[in-house]
Amino acid sequence: ALIAARLGADSVGERHFEMAIERVIAGMERKSRVLDKDEKRTVAYHEAGHAVAGWFLEWADPLLKVSIVPRGV
């Protein structure tokens, strides 16, 4: 509800819940940390490696989302 209010929405929608879950699991988005084009590409390959490895690990939790957005500390 807080995210919906901050965005000026009239009601709380599924997207607001997704944003809240993402914030709790991954941390707040760091808008001060801007990645240039080469850094984004490097981070994308790195995160894709995590995703592929997780896909093939039998006991790993299912992959829900892959992101290159800087979060947390």
Protein backbone atom coordinates (compact mmCIF):
# COMPACT_ATOMS: atom_id res chain seq x y z
CA ALA A 1 0.00 0.00 0.00
CA LEU A 2 2.90 2.35 0.75
CA ILE A 3 4.40 1.81 -2.69
CA ALA A 4 1.02 2.38 -4.36
CA ALA A 5 0.59 5.63 -2.41
CA ARG A 6 4.10 6.81 -3.29
CA LEU A 7 3.37 6.19 -6.95
CA GLY A 8 0.05 8.04 -6.73
CA ALA A 9 -2.07 4.99 -7.55
CA ASP A 10 -5.79 4.94 -6.73
CA SER A 11 -5.63 1.30 -5.62
CA VAL A 12 -3.10 -1.40 -4.76
CA GLY A 13 -2.37 -3.71 -7.66
CA GLU A 14 -0.35 -6.84 -8.29
CA ARG A 15 2.61 -4.78 -9.51
CA HIS A 16 2.78 -3.00 -6.14
CA PHE A 17 2.94 -6.36 -4.35
CA GLU A 18 5.72 -7.50 -6.68
CA MET A 19 7.68 -4.32 -5.99
CA ALA A 20 7.24 -4.79 -2.23
CA ILE A 21 8.42 -8.42 -2.34
CA GLU A 22 11.41 -7.41 -4.45
CA ARG A 23 12.33 -4.71 -1.94
CA VAL A 24 12.17 -7.13 0.99
CA ILE A 25 14.09 -9.93 -0.73
CA ALA A 26 16.71 -7.97 -2.67
CA GLY A 27 16.87 -4.63 -0.85
CA MET A 28 16.22 -1.08 -1.88
CA GLU A 29 17.17 0.00 -5.38
CA ARG A 30 20.26 2.21 -5.37
CA LYS A 31 19.47 5.00 -7.80
CA SER A 32 22.78 6.72 -7.03
CA ARG A 33 24.72 3.79 -8.55
CA VAL A 34 24.44 4.22 -12.31
CA LEU A 35 26.03 1.58 -14.53
CA ASP A 36 27.50 2.49 -17.89
CA LYS A 37 26.85 0.34 -20.97
CA ASP A 38 29.93 -1.91 -20.52
CA GLU A 39 29.21 -2.47 -16.81
CA LYS A 40 25.59 -3.39 -17.58
CA ARG A 41 26.77 -5.95 -20.12
CA THR A 42 29.28 -7.47 -17.70
CA VAL A 43 26.73 -7.65 -14.88
CA ALA A 44 24.13 -9.15 -17.24
CA TYR A 45 26.52 -11.98 -18.23
CA HIS A 46 27.40 -12.55 -14.56
CA GLU A 47 23.76 -12.77 -13.47
CA ALA A 48 22.91 -14.98 -16.45
CA GLY A 49 25.62 -17.36 -15.21
CA HIS A 50 23.91 -17.51 -11.80
CA ALA A 51 20.58 -18.20 -13.51
CA VAL A 52 21.94 -21.01 -15.70
CA ALA A 53 23.78 -22.63 -12.78
CA GLY A 54 20.67 -22.42 -10.60
CA TRP A 55 18.54 -23.95 -13.34
CA PHE A 56 20.70 -27.09 -13.42
CA LEU A 57 21.12 -27.50 -9.63
CA GLU A 58 18.67 -30.18 -8.51
CA TRP A 59 18.07 -28.85 -4.99
CA ALA A 60 18.16 -25.11 -5.70
CA ASP A 61 15.10 -22.91 -5.25
CA PRO A 62 13.28 -22.12 -8.50
CA LEU A 63 14.44 -19.04 -10.37
CA LEU A 64 11.87 -16.24 -10.10
CA LYS A 65 13.61 -13.22 -11.56
CA VAL A 66 16.98 -12.05 -12.85
CA SER A 67 17.90 -8.40 -12.52
CA ILE A 68 20.92 -6.17 -13.07
CA VAL A 69 19.49 -3.32 -10.97
CA PRO A 70 21.97 -2.42 -8.18
CA ARG A 71 20.38 -3.08 -4.77
CA GLY A 72 21.37 -3.18 -1.11
CA VAL A 73 24.75 -2.24 0.29
